[in-house]
Structure formats: C-alpha cells, structure tokens
Amino acid sequence: MRFNNVIDTLELIELPLLDRMFTWTNKQSSPTLARLDRAFINTTFATAFPGTLLTSGNRPTSDHSSLIATIQTKISKATYFRLECSWLLQPSYL
C-alpha cells in the first residue's frame, strides 16, 4: 500500500512493456510466469520524451528479463546560411 501511495504522490507513470507480458519465470516444465519488473517515469520526463519505449532483452542465464528503455529525442538540426561569393558580383544582389 505504501509503495502505491508513493507512486501516486510522485505522479509516476508506468511505461508499458511492449514485447512480453511476463518478466520472470521459475523455468519449470509447467512454469510460473509473473510481471515483477517494471519501469516508471514522471510526468515531466513523459512530456519531454513522449516517444520513450520499454522492451525486454535476452535472459540466457537469468530467470528475469532485462528491461530496455529507449528514450527517443527529436533534436532539431541547425539551419545554415552559406554565402556564395558569386552573389556579390551580381548587380541585383542587394
């Protein structure tokens, strides 16, 4: 209950895991599957990086799947002005 209250108080948002439903298994013939691992972000982060994705990695030796958060940014490129010297020779340039 306290953990959920902290999440609510901090206004955290759980990132949805896109490629699987479970992050843990007991690796038995009739496995127990559970979603134990999660990732949270706050609203400021979600606004700044709305394209953030959560996927899982390989688990060759562990009973847990690693979580991979991909933070997508959109950084605008600077526009450059290049002066061509030949423009200065044109009478109509100015």
PDB file of N, CA and C in Angstrom:
ATOM      1  N   MET A   1       0.821  -1.195   0.000  1.00  0.00           N
ATOM      2  CA  MET A   1       0.000   0.000   0.000  1.00  0.00           C
ATOM      3  C   MET A   1       0.870   1.266   0.000  1.00  0.00           C
ATOM      4  N   ARG A   2       1.962   1.264   0.797  1.00  0.00           N
ATOM      5  CA  ARG A   2       2.837   2.429   0.861  1.00  0.00           C
ATOM      6  C   ARG A   2       3.523   2.669  -0.485  1.00  0.00           C
ATOM      7  N   PHE A   3       3.925   1.579  -1.121  1.00  0.00           N
ATOM      8  CA  PHE A   3       4.570   1.707  -2.426  1.00  0.00           C
ATOM      9  C   PHE A   3       3.622   2.370  -3.424  1.00  0.00           C
ATOM     10  N   ASN A   4       2.398   1.932  -3.479  1.00  0.00           N
ATOM     11  CA  ASN A   4       1.406   2.525  -4.377  1.00  0.00           C
ATOM     12  C   ASN A   4       1.128   3.982  -4.025  1.00  0.00           C
ATOM     13  N   ASN A   5       1.144   4.318  -2.751  1.00  0.00           N
ATOM     14  CA  ASN A   5       0.948   5.712  -2.336  1.00  0.00           C
ATOM     15  C   ASN A   5       2.094   6.595  -2.815  1.00  0.00           C
ATOM     16  N   VAL A   6       3.327   6.083  -2.761  1.00  0.00           N
ATOM     17  CA  VAL A   6       4.479   6.845  -3.253  1.00  0.00           C
ATOM     18  C   VAL A   6       4.342   7.085  -4.755  1.00  0.00           C
ATOM     19  N   ILE A   7       3.949   6.063  -5.488  1.00  0.00           N
ATOM     20  CA  ILE A   7       3.749   6.204  -6.940  1.00  0.00           C
ATOM     21  C   ILE A   7       2.697   7.268  -7.231  1.00  0.00           C
ATOM     22  N   ASP A   8       1.607   7.238  -6.492  1.00  0.00           N
ATOM     23  CA  ASP A   8       0.544   8.234  -6.678  1.00  0.00           C
ATOM     24  C   ASP A   8       1.013   9.634  -6.284  1.00  0.00           C
ATOM     25  N   THR A   9       1.718   9.749  -5.168  1.00  0.00           N
ATOM     26  CA  THR A   9       2.182  11.048  -4.686  1.00  0.00           C
ATOM     27  C   THR A   9       3.163  11.684  -5.666  1.00  0.00           C
ATOM     28  N   LEU A  10       4.063  10.882  -6.210  1.00  0.00           N
ATOM     29  CA  LEU A  10       5.066  11.391  -7.153  1.00  0.00           C
ATOM     30  C   LEU A  10       4.531  11.511  -8.580  1.00  0.00           C
ATOM     31  N   GLU A  11       3.283  11.104  -8.771  1.00  0.00           N
ATOM     32  CA  GLU A  11       2.629  11.137 -10.085  1.00  0.00           C
ATOM     33  C   GLU A  11       3.452  10.401 -11.136  1.00  0.00           C
ATOM     34  N   LEU A  12       3.884   9.188 -10.770  1.00  0.00           N
ATOM     35  CA  LEU A  12       4.676   8.373 -11.690  1.00  0.00           C
ATOM     36  C   LEU A  12       3.773   7.639 -12.664  1.00  0.00           C
ATOM     37  N   ILE A  13       4.327   7.401 -13.844  1.00  0.00           N
ATOM     38  CA  ILE A  13       3.605   6.703 -14.905  1.00  0.00           C
ATOM     39  C   ILE A  13       4.395   5.439 -15.230  1.00  0.00           C
ATOM     40  N   GLU A  14       3.725   4.325 -15.266  1.00  0.00           N
ATOM     41  CA  GLU A  14       4.410   3.082 -15.627  1.00  0.00           C
ATOM     42  C   GLU A  14       4.564   3.011 -17.143  1.00  0.00           C
ATOM     43  N   LEU A  15       5.789   2.726 -17.588  1.00  0.00           N
ATOM     44  CA  LEU A  15       5.998   2.509 -19.024  1.00  0.00           C
ATOM     45  C   LEU A  15       5.452   1.149 -19.388  1.00  0.00           C
ATOM     46  N   PRO A  16       4.617   1.048 -20.406  1.00  0.00           N
ATOM     47  CA  PRO A  16       4.116  -0.270 -20.794  1.00  0.00           C
ATOM     48  C   PRO A  16       5.218  -1.098 -21.452  1.00  0.00           C
ATOM     49  N   LEU A  17       5.301  -2.352 -21.084  1.00  0.00           N
ATOM     50  CA  LEU A  17       6.264  -3.272 -21.689  1.00  0.00           C
ATOM     51  C   LEU A  17       5.646  -3.787 -22.987  1.00  0.00           C
ATOM     52  N   LEU A  18       6.310  -3.522 -24.106  1.00  0.00           N
ATOM     53  CA  LEU A  18       5.699  -3.733 -25.414  1.00  0.00           C
ATOM     54  C   LEU A  18       5.793  -5.161 -25.953  1.00  0.00           C
ATOM     55  N   ASP A  19       6.802  -5.916 -25.572  1.00  0.00           N
ATOM     56  CA  ASP A  19       7.027  -7.174 -26.279  1.00  0.00           C
ATOM     57  C   ASP A  19       6.821  -8.447 -25.473  1.00  0.00           C
ATOM     58  N   ARG A  20       6.359  -8.356 -24.261  1.00  0.00           N
ATOM     59  CA  ARG A  20       6.032  -9.562 -23.498  1.00  0.00           C
ATOM     60  C   ARG A  20       5.100  -9.209 -22.351  1.00  0.00           C
ATOM     61  N   MET A  21       4.441 -10.213 -21.835  1.00  0.00           N
ATOM     62  CA  MET A  21       3.508  -9.988 -20.733  1.00  0.00           C
ATOM     63  C   MET A  21       4.152 -10.267 -19.382  1.00  0.00           C
ATOM     64  N   PHE A  22       5.208 -11.104 -19.354  1.00  0.00           N
ATOM     65  CA  PHE A  22       5.813 -11.515 -18.098  1.00  0.00           C
ATOM     66  C   PHE A  22       7.310 -11.223 -18.117  1.00  0.00           C
ATOM     67  N   THR A  23       7.886 -10.935 -16.951  1.00  0.00           N
ATOM     68  CA  THR A  23       9.318 -10.646 -16.871  1.00  0.00           C
ATOM     69  C   THR A  23      10.075 -11.671 -16.019  1.00  0.00           C
ATOM     70  N   TRP A  24       9.369 -12.618 -15.431  1.00  0.00           N
ATOM     71  CA  TRP A  24      10.009 -13.618 -14.578  1.00  0.00           C
ATOM     72  C   TRP A  24       9.366 -14.971 -14.808  1.00  0.00           C
ATOM     73  N   THR A  25      10.179 -16.000 -14.734  1.00  0.00           N
ATOM     74  CA  THR A  25       9.685 -17.369 -14.795  1.00  0.00           C
ATOM     75  C   THR A  25      10.502 -18.231 -13.846  1.00  0.00           C
ATOM     76  N   ASN A  26       9.890 -19.279 -13.319  1.00  0.00           N
ATOM     77  CA  ASN A  26      10.629 -20.194 -12.456  1.00  0.00           C
ATOM     78  C   ASN A  26      11.324 -21.293 -13.271  1.00  0.00           C
ATOM     79  N   LYS A  27      11.200 -21.240 -14.599  1.00  0.00           N
ATOM     80  CA  LYS A  27      11.880 -22.153 -15.536  1.00  0.00           C
ATOM     81  C   LYS A  27      11.581 -23.627 -15.249  1.00  0.00           C
ATOM     82  N   GLN A  28      10.354 -23.923 -14.892  1.00  0.00           N
ATOM     83  CA  GLN A  28       9.921 -25.305 -14.681  1.00  0.00           C
ATOM     84  C   GLN A  28       9.177 -25.786 -15.924  1.00  0.00           C
ATOM     85  N   SER A  29       8.913 -27.082 -15.993  1.00  0.00           N
ATOM     86  CA  SER A  29       8.190 -27.624 -17.157  1.00  0.00           C
ATOM     87  C   SER A  29       6.784 -27.044 -17.237  1.00  0.00           C
ATOM     88  N   SER A  30       6.169 -26.792 -16.108  1.00  0.00           N
ATOM     89  CA  SER A  30       4.898 -26.076 -16.048  1.00  0.00           C
ATOM     90  C   SER A  30       5.201 -24.746 -15.346  1.00  0.00           C
ATOM     91  N   PRO A  31       5.639 -23.743 -16.101  1.00  0.00           N
ATOM     92  CA  PRO A  31       6.228 -22.557 -15.475  1.00  0.00           C
ATOM     93  C   PRO A  31       5.224 -21.634 -14.782  1.00  0.00           C
ATOM     94  N   THR A  32       5.727 -20.979 -13.766  1.00  0.00           N
ATOM     95  CA  THR A  32       5.026 -19.860 -13.157  1.00  0.00           C
ATOM     96  C   THR A  32       5.552 -18.611 -13.846  1.00  0.00           C
ATOM     97  N   LEU A  33       4.661 -17.786 -14.330  1.00  0.00           N
ATOM     98  CA  LEU A  33       5.041 -16.561 -15.027  1.00  0.00           C
ATOM     99  C   LEU A  33       4.494 -15.371 -14.252  1.00  0.00           C
ATOM    100  N   ALA A  34       5.306 -14.321 -14.101  1.00  0.00           N
ATOM    101  CA  ALA A  34       4.866 -13.136 -13.358  1.00  0.00           C
ATOM    102  C   ALA A  34       5.502 -11.886 -13.954  1.00  0.00           C
ATOM    103  N   ARG A  35       4.844 -10.772 -13.747  1.00  0.00           N
ATOM    104  CA  ARG A  35       5.387  -9.470 -14.160  1.00  0.00           C
ATOM    105  C   ARG A  35       5.922  -8.796 -12.905  1.00  0.00           C
ATOM    106  N   LEU A  36       7.216  -9.046 -12.603  1.00  0.00           N
ATOM    107  CA  LEU A  36       7.834  -8.496 -11.403  1.00  0.00           C
ATOM    108  C   LEU A  36       8.566  -7.196 -11.673  1.00  0.00           C
ATOM    109  N   ASP A  37       9.134  -7.043 -12.850  1.00  0.00           N
ATOM    110  CA  ASP A  37       9.991  -5.908 -13.164  1.00  0.00           C
ATOM    111  C   ASP A  37       9.201  -4.847 -13.920  1.00  0.00           C
ATOM    112  N   ARG A  38       9.363  -3.613 -13.498  1.00  0.00           N
ATOM    113  CA  ARG A  38       8.613  -2.505 -14.096  1.00  0.00           C
ATOM    114  C   ARG A  38       9.506  -1.275 -14.168  1.00  0.00           C
ATOM    115  N   ALA A  39       9.109  -0.323 -14.971  1.00  0.00           N
ATOM    116  CA  ALA A  39       9.843   0.947 -15.077  1.00  0.00           C
ATOM    117  C   ALA A  39       8.833   2.087 -15.014  1.00  0.00           C
ATOM    118  N   PHE A  40       9.195   3.126 -14.273  1.00  0.00           N
ATOM    119  CA  PHE A  40       8.316   4.274 -14.081  1.00  0.00           C
ATOM    120  C   PHE A  40       9.030   5.550 -14.503  1.00  0.00           C
ATOM    121  N   ILE A  41       8.257   6.519 -14.976  1.00  0.00           N
ATOM    122  CA  ILE A  41       8.769   7.854 -15.286  1.00  0.00           C
ATOM    123  C   ILE A  41       7.810   8.870 -14.683  1.00  0.00           C
ATOM    124  N   ASN A  42       8.299  10.092 -14.518  1.00  0.00           N
ATOM    125  CA  ASN A  42       7.395  11.132 -14.012  1.00  0.00           C
ATOM    126  C   ASN A  42       6.788  11.906 -15.183  1.00  0.00           C
ATOM    127  N   THR A  43       5.843  12.758 -14.889  1.00  0.00           N
ATOM    128  CA  THR A  43       5.126  13.464 -15.949  1.00  0.00           C
ATOM    129  C   THR A  43       6.027  14.438 -16.704  1.00  0.00           C
ATOM    130  N   THR A  44       7.004  15.033 -16.018  1.00  0.00           N
ATOM    131  CA  THR A  44       7.937  15.942 -16.691  1.00  0.00           C
ATOM    132  C   THR A  44       8.748  15.195 -17.738  1.00  0.00           C
ATOM    133  N   PHE A  45       9.245  14.021 -17.367  1.00  0.00           N
ATOM    134  CA  PHE A  45      10.012  13.195 -18.303  1.00  0.00           C
ATOM    135  C   PHE A  45       9.123  12.755 -19.471  1.00  0.00           C
ATOM    136  N   ALA A  46       7.910  12.349 -19.171  1.00  0.00           N
ATOM    137  CA  ALA A  46       6.983  11.889 -20.221  1.00  0.00           C
ATOM    138  C   ALA A  46       6.667  13.007 -21.209  1.00  0.00           C
ATOM    139  N   THR A  47       6.592  14.240 -20.728  1.00  0.00           N
ATOM    140  CA  THR A  47       6.340  15.377 -21.610  1.00  0.00           C
ATOM    141  C   THR A  47       7.557  15.693 -22.461  1.00  0.00           C
ATOM    142  N   ALA A  48       8.736  15.623 -21.856  1.00  0.00           N
ATOM    143  CA  ALA A  48       9.971  15.936 -22.579  1.00  0.00           C
ATOM    144  C   ALA A  48      10.342  14.861 -23.586  1.00  0.00           C
ATOM    145  N   PHE A  49      10.036  13.608 -23.276  1.00  0.00           N
ATOM    146  CA  PHE A  49      10.408  12.476 -24.140  1.00  0.00           C
ATOM    147  C   PHE A  49       9.195  11.576 -24.382  1.00  0.00           C
ATOM    148  N   PRO A  50       8.223  12.047 -25.151  1.00  0.00           N
ATOM    149  CA  PRO A  50       6.984  11.280 -25.322  1.00  0.00           C
ATOM    150  C   PRO A  50       7.155   9.976 -26.099  1.00  0.00           C
ATOM    151  N   GLY A  51       8.257   9.821 -26.804  1.00  0.00           N
ATOM    152  CA  GLY A  51       8.465   8.600 -27.585  1.00  0.00           C
ATOM    153  C   GLY A  51       9.220   7.516 -26.849  1.00  0.00           C
ATOM    154  N   THR A  52       9.295   7.583 -25.520  1.00  0.00           N
ATOM    155  CA  THR A  52      10.031   6.595 -24.745  1.00  0.00           C
ATOM    156  C   THR A  52       9.326   5.243 -24.803  1.00  0.00           C
ATOM    157  N   LEU A  53      10.121   4.192 -25.072  1.00  0.00           N
ATOM    158  CA  LEU A  53       9.581   2.837 -25.203  1.00  0.00           C
ATOM    159  C   LEU A  53      10.272   1.907 -24.213  1.00  0.00           C
ATOM    160  N   LEU A  54       9.570   0.859 -23.771  1.00  0.00           N
ATOM    161  CA  LEU A  54      10.151  -0.147 -22.883  1.00  0.00           C
ATOM    162  C   LEU A  54      10.005  -1.509 -23.547  1.00  0.00           C
ATOM    163  N   THR A  55      11.140  -2.166 -23.748  1.00  0.00           N
ATOM    164  CA  THR A  55      11.165  -3.516 -24.311  1.00  0.00           C
ATOM    165  C   THR A  55      12.011  -4.397 -23.406  1.00  0.00           C
ATOM    166  N   SER A  56      12.068  -5.668 -23.729  1.00  0.00           N
ATOM    167  CA  SER A  56      12.841  -6.595 -22.902  1.00  0.00           C
ATOM    168  C   SER A  56      14.032  -7.130 -23.678  1.00  0.00           C
ATOM    169  N   GLY A  57      15.058  -7.518 -22.924  1.00  0.00           N
ATOM    170  CA  GLY A  57      16.256  -8.101 -23.516  1.00  0.00           C
ATOM    171  C   GLY A  57      16.270  -9.607 -23.335  1.00  0.00           C
ATOM    172  N   ASN A  58      17.363 -10.209 -23.727  1.00  0.00           N
ATOM    173  CA  ASN A  58      17.527 -11.662 -23.578  1.00  0.00           C
ATOM    174  C   ASN A  58      17.715 -12.033 -22.119  1.00  0.00           C
ATOM    175  N   ARG A  59      17.436 -13.274 -21.823  1.00  0.00           N
ATOM    176  CA  ARG A  59      17.667 -13.780 -20.475  1.00  0.00           C
ATOM    177  C   ARG A  59      18.271 -15.183 -20.532  1.00  0.00           C
ATOM    178  N   PRO A  60      19.442 -15.325 -21.115  1.00  0.00           N
ATOM    179  CA  PRO A  60      20.013 -16.665 -21.265  1.00  0.00           C
ATOM    180  C   PRO A  60      20.398 -17.327 -19.946  1.00  0.00           C
ATOM    181  N   THR A  61      20.786 -16.562 -18.931  1.00  0.00           N
ATOM    182  CA  THR A  61      21.234 -17.165 -17.673  1.00  0.00           C
ATOM    183  C   THR A  61      20.393 -16.755 -16.472  1.00  0.00           C
ATOM    184  N   SER A  62      19.451 -15.865 -16.656  1.00  0.00           N
ATOM    185  CA  SER A  62      18.667 -15.354 -15.531  1.00  0.00           C
ATOM    186  C   SER A  62      17.207 -15.774 -15.649  1.00  0.00           C
ATOM    187  N   ASP A  63      16.521 -15.753 -14.540  1.00  0.00           N
ATOM    188  CA  ASP A  63      15.080 -16.012 -14.573  1.00  0.00           C
ATOM    189  C   ASP A  63      14.294 -14.710 -14.750  1.00  0.00           C
ATOM    190  N   HIS A  64      15.009 -13.583 -14.820  1.00  0.00           N
ATOM    191  CA  HIS A  64      14.392 -12.273 -15.070  1.00  0.00           C
ATOM    192  C   HIS A  64      14.760 -11.792 -16.473  1.00  0.00           C
ATOM    193  N   SER A  65      13.843 -11.084 -17.094  1.00  0.00           N
ATOM    194  CA  SER A  65      14.134 -10.424 -18.367  1.00  0.00           C
ATOM    195  C   SER A  65      14.658  -9.032 -18.065  1.00  0.00           C
ATOM    196  N   SER A  66      15.716  -8.642 -18.744  1.00  0.00           N
ATOM    197  CA  SER A  66      16.197  -7.275 -18.574  1.00  0.00           C
ATOM    198  C   SER A  66      15.236  -6.328 -19.282  1.00  0.00           C
ATOM    199  N   LEU A  67      15.116  -5.130 -18.766  1.00  0.00           N
ATOM    200  CA  LEU A  67      14.255  -4.127 -19.379  1.00  0.00           C
ATOM    201  C   LEU A  67      15.122  -3.075 -20.051  1.00  0.00           C
ATOM    202  N   ILE A  68      14.735  -2.679 -21.242  1.00  0.00           N
ATOM    203  CA  ILE A  68      15.488  -1.697 -22.023  1.00  0.00           C
ATOM    204  C   ILE A  68      14.565  -0.521 -22.326  1.00  0.00           C
ATOM    205  N   ALA A  69      14.897   0.629 -21.762  1.00  0.00           N
ATOM    206  CA  ALA A  69      14.134   1.844 -22.041  1.00  0.00           C
ATOM    207  C   ALA A  69      14.832   2.579 -23.177  1.00  0.00           C
ATOM    208  N   THR A  70      14.102   2.823 -24.239  1.00  0.00           N
ATOM    209  CA  THR A  70      14.619   3.571 -25.377  1.00  0.00           C
ATOM    210  C   THR A  70      14.021   4.963 -25.332  1.00  0.00           C
ATOM    211  N   ILE A  71      14.879   5.941 -25.112  1.00  0.00           N
ATOM    212  CA  ILE A  71      14.432   7.322 -24.978  1.00  0.00           C
ATOM    213  C   ILE A  71      14.660   8.002 -26.315  1.00  0.00           C
ATOM    214  N   GLN A  72      13.581   8.349 -26.968  1.00  0.00           N
ATOM    215  CA  GLN A  72      13.679   8.977 -28.279  1.00  0.00           C
ATOM    216  C   GLN A  72      13.588  10.489 -28.125  1.00  0.00           C
ATOM    217  N   THR A  73      14.554  11.150 -28.718  1.00  0.00           N
ATOM    218  CA  THR A  73      14.542  12.602 -28.686  1.00  0.00           C
ATOM    219  C   THR A  73      14.417  13.127 -30.102  1.00  0.00           C
ATOM    220  N   LYS A  74      13.912  14.294 -30.207  1.00  0.00           N
ATOM    221  CA  LYS A  74      13.817  14.945 -31.505  1.00  0.00           C
ATOM    222  C   LYS A  74      14.585  16.255 -31.394  1.00  0.00           C
ATOM    223  N   ILE A  75      15.834  16.220 -31.807  1.00  0.00           N
ATOM    224  CA  ILE A  75      16.678  17.396 -31.734  1.00  0.00           C
ATOM    225  C   ILE A  75      16.703  18.024 -33.116  1.00  0.00           C
ATOM    226  N   SER A  76      16.259  19.255 -33.185  1.00  0.00           N
ATOM    227  CA  SER A  76      16.203  19.900 -34.483  1.00  0.00           C
ATOM    228  C   SER A  76      17.611  20.250 -34.960  1.00  0.00           C
ATOM    229  N   LYS A  77      17.794  20.149 -36.243  1.00  0.00           N
ATOM    230  CA  LYS A  77      19.083  20.491 -36.840  1.00  0.00           C
ATOM    231  C   LYS A  77      19.144  22.003 -37.063  1.00  0.00           C
ATOM    232  N   ALA A  78      20.332  22.532 -36.895  1.00  0.00           N
ATOM    233  CA  ALA A  78      20.525  23.959 -37.151  1.00  0.00           C
ATOM    234  C   ALA A  78      20.459  24.215 -38.649  1.00  0.00           C
ATOM    235  N   THR A  79      19.892  25.334 -39.004  1.00  0.00           N
ATOM    236  CA  THR A  79      19.882  25.718 -40.411  1.00  0.00           C
ATOM    237  C   THR A  79      21.070  26.624 -40.667  1.00  0.00           C
ATOM    238  N   TYR A  80      21.785  26.334 -41.698  1.00  0.00           N
ATOM    239  CA  TYR A  80      22.989  27.091 -42.016  1.00  0.00           C
ATOM    240  C   TYR A  80      22.730  28.006 -43.203  1.00  0.00           C
ATOM    241  N   PHE A  81      23.310  29.180 -43.129  1.00  0.00           N
ATOM    242  CA  PHE A  81      23.280  30.099 -44.251  1.00  0.00           C
ATOM    243  C   PHE A  81      24.676  30.116 -44.845  1.00  0.00           C
ATOM    244  N   ARG A  82      24.747  29.853 -46.126  1.00  0.00           N
ATOM    245  CA  ARG A  82      26.037  29.867 -46.809  1.00  0.00           C
ATOM    246  C   ARG A  82      26.010  30.958 -47.878  1.00  0.00           C
ATOM    247  N   LEU A  83      26.964  31.845 -47.794  1.00  0.00           N
ATOM    248  CA  LEU A  83      27.071  32.924 -48.758  1.00  0.00           C
ATOM    249  C   LEU A  83      27.931  32.463 -49.926  1.00  0.00           C
ATOM    250  N   GLU A  84      27.393  32.560 -51.097  1.00  0.00           N
ATOM    251  CA  GLU A  84      28.153  32.256 -52.300  1.00  0.00           C
ATOM    252  C   GLU A  84      28.812  33.541 -52.787  1.00  0.00           C
ATOM    253  N   CYS A  85      30.108  33.515 -52.937  1.00  0.00           N
ATOM    254  CA  CYS A  85      30.849  34.716 -53.342  1.00  0.00           C
ATOM    255  C   CYS A  85      30.385  35.250 -54.696  1.00  0.00           C
ATOM    256  N   SER A  86      29.909  34.389 -55.547  1.00  0.00           N
ATOM    257  CA  SER A  86      29.446  34.837 -56.865  1.00  0.00           C
ATOM    258  C   SER A  86      28.223  35.750 -56.752  1.00  0.00           C
ATOM    259  N   TRP A  87      27.455  35.641 -55.648  1.00  0.00           N
ATOM    260  CA  TRP A  87      26.293  36.509 -55.464  1.00  0.00           C
ATOM    261  C   TRP A  87      26.723  37.973 -55.370  1.00  0.00           C
ATOM    262  N   LEU A  88      27.881  38.216 -54.803  1.00  0.00           N
ATOM    263  CA  LEU A  88      28.363  39.589 -54.637  1.00  0.00           C
ATOM    264  C   LEU A  88      28.668  40.265 -55.964  1.00  0.00           C
ATOM    265  N   LEU A  89      28.872  39.488 -56.998  1.00  0.00           N
ATOM    266  CA  LEU A  89      29.185  40.025 -58.309  1.00  0.00           C
ATOM    267  C   LEU A  89      27.938  40.392 -59.111  1.00  0.00           C
ATOM    268  N   GLN A  90      26.788  39.987 -58.631  1.00  0.00           N
ATOM    269  CA  GLN A  90      25.540  40.271 -59.327  1.00  0.00           C
ATOM    270  C   GLN A  90      25.051  41.683 -58.960  1.00  0.00           C
ATOM    271  N   PRO A  91      24.694  42.504 -59.937  1.00  0.00           N
ATOM    272  CA  PRO A  91      24.219  43.870 -59.662  1.00  0.00           C
ATOM    273  C   PRO A  91      22.917  43.894 -58.846  1.00  0.00           C
ATOM    274  N   SER A  92      22.099  42.878 -58.990  1.00  0.00           N
ATOM    275  CA  SER A  92      20.810  42.864 -58.288  1.00  0.00           C
ATOM    276  C   SER A  92      20.897  42.186 -56.909  1.00  0.00           C
ATOM    277  N   TYR A  93      22.084  41.870 -56.473  1.00  0.00           N
ATOM    278  CA  TYR A  93      22.259  41.128 -55.214  1.00  0.00           C
ATOM    279  C   TYR A  93      21.652  41.850 -53.999  1.00  0.00           C
ATOM    280  N   LEU A  94      21.943  43.096 -53.800  1.00  0.00           N
ATOM    281  CA  LEU A  94      21.449  43.808 -52.618  1.00  0.00           C
ATOM    282  C   LEU A  94      19.955  44.043 -52.701  1.00  0.00           C
TER     283      LEU A  94
END
